[in-house]
Amino acid sequence: MTFSIAAVRDKIAEMYPEIAEHQMILSVEFDAAKDAYLVKLKKDHHEMTTHLEKKDAEDCLRNIKCVYLGTQIGQFIKNFQMA
């Protein structure tokens, strides 16, 4: 089962309300060549991009585990806030 980009984006936004609180722009797209989601956060002139493996994101959406999504995106947000 493949999840939509919107579902991945919504899950990240749900897990990290500080994205909205700090008025960051979150975008997600799928890179078929890398078989991964590209997650971008932007605020003002700062922008960061990270890759999230398809399997890791989709396991989280299936409520199997969110370790990789939680760790990777959480650190990403922390670094972004320090920028």
Protein backbone atom coordinates (compact mmCIF):
# COMPACT_ATOMS: atom_id res chain seq x y z
CA MET A 1 0.00 0.00 0.00
CA THR A 2 1.33 3.41 -0.94
CA PHE A 3 0.35 6.48 1.03
CA SER A 4 -0.21 9.88 -0.47
CA ILE A 5 2.25 12.70 -0.08
CA ALA A 6 -0.48 14.59 1.79
CA ALA A 7 -0.74 11.75 4.33
CA VAL A 8 3.00 11.87 5.00
CA ARG A 9 2.91 15.65 5.30
CA ASP A 10 -0.09 15.55 7.65
CA LYS A 11 1.59 12.94 9.88
CA ILE A 12 4.73 15.08 10.19
CA ALA A 13 2.63 18.16 10.98
CA GLU A 14 0.65 16.16 13.57
CA MET A 15 3.79 14.84 15.25
CA TYR A 16 5.49 18.24 15.27
CA PRO A 17 3.05 21.05 16.09
CA GLU A 18 6.04 23.37 16.51
CA ILE A 19 6.18 23.54 12.71
CA ALA A 20 2.93 25.52 12.73
CA GLU A 21 3.75 27.30 15.98
CA HIS A 22 6.95 28.71 14.46
CA GLN A 23 5.19 29.39 11.14
CA MET A 24 7.47 27.12 9.15
CA ILE A 25 6.41 26.01 5.70
CA LEU A 26 6.44 22.22 5.39
CA SER A 27 6.45 20.55 2.01
CA VAL A 28 6.81 16.91 1.04
CA GLU A 29 7.40 15.34 -2.34
CA PHE A 30 8.29 11.85 -3.46
CA ASP A 31 11.52 11.13 -5.32
CA ALA A 32 10.91 7.92 -7.27
CA ALA A 33 14.58 7.60 -8.24
CA LYS A 34 15.60 7.53 -4.57
CA ASP A 35 12.40 5.77 -3.42
CA ALA A 36 12.21 8.34 -0.62
CA TYR A 37 10.20 11.32 0.48
CA LEU A 38 11.89 14.70 0.36
CA VAL A 39 10.86 16.78 3.35
CA LYS A 40 11.47 20.53 3.21
CA LEU A 41 11.08 23.12 5.93
CA LYS A 42 11.27 26.79 5.13
CA LYS A 43 11.01 29.98 7.13
CA ASP A 44 12.03 33.35 5.80
CA HIS A 45 15.25 32.83 3.85
CA HIS A 46 16.21 29.58 5.64
CA GLU A 47 15.41 26.25 4.01
CA MET A 48 16.39 22.70 4.89
CA THR A 49 15.74 19.46 3.03
CA THR A 50 16.06 15.89 4.23
CA HIS A 51 15.24 12.45 2.84
CA LEU A 52 12.86 10.10 4.58
CA GLU A 53 12.93 6.51 3.38
CA LYS A 54 9.61 5.39 1.94
CA LYS A 55 9.42 2.28 4.13
CA ASP A 56 10.11 4.27 7.32
CA ALA A 57 7.47 6.88 6.54
CA GLU A 58 4.89 4.30 5.55
CA ASP A 59 5.54 2.12 8.62
CA CYS A 60 4.80 5.18 10.73
CA LEU A 61 1.57 5.83 8.84
CA ARG A 62 0.58 2.20 9.44
CA ASN A 63 1.19 2.74 13.16
CA ILE A 64 3.93 0.11 13.15
CA LYS A 65 6.73 2.39 14.34
CA CYS A 66 7.71 6.02 14.00
CA VAL A 67 11.27 5.81 15.27
CA TYR A 68 12.99 6.91 12.08
CA LEU A 69 10.49 9.61 11.26
CA GLY A 70 10.55 10.87 14.83
CA THR A 71 14.32 10.90 15.13
CA GLN A 72 15.13 12.27 11.71
CA ILE A 73 12.46 14.96 11.51
CA GLY A 74 12.82 15.90 15.20
CA GLN A 75 16.53 16.56 14.84
CA PHE A 76 15.88 18.34 11.58
CA ILE A 77 13.42 20.73 13.26
CA LYS A 78 15.81 21.31 16.16
CA ASN A 79 18.62 22.20 13.75
CA PHE A 80 16.28 24.43 11.76
CA GLN A 81 15.24 26.36 14.85
CA MET A 82 18.92 26.98 15.66
CA ALA A 83 19.61 28.38 12.17
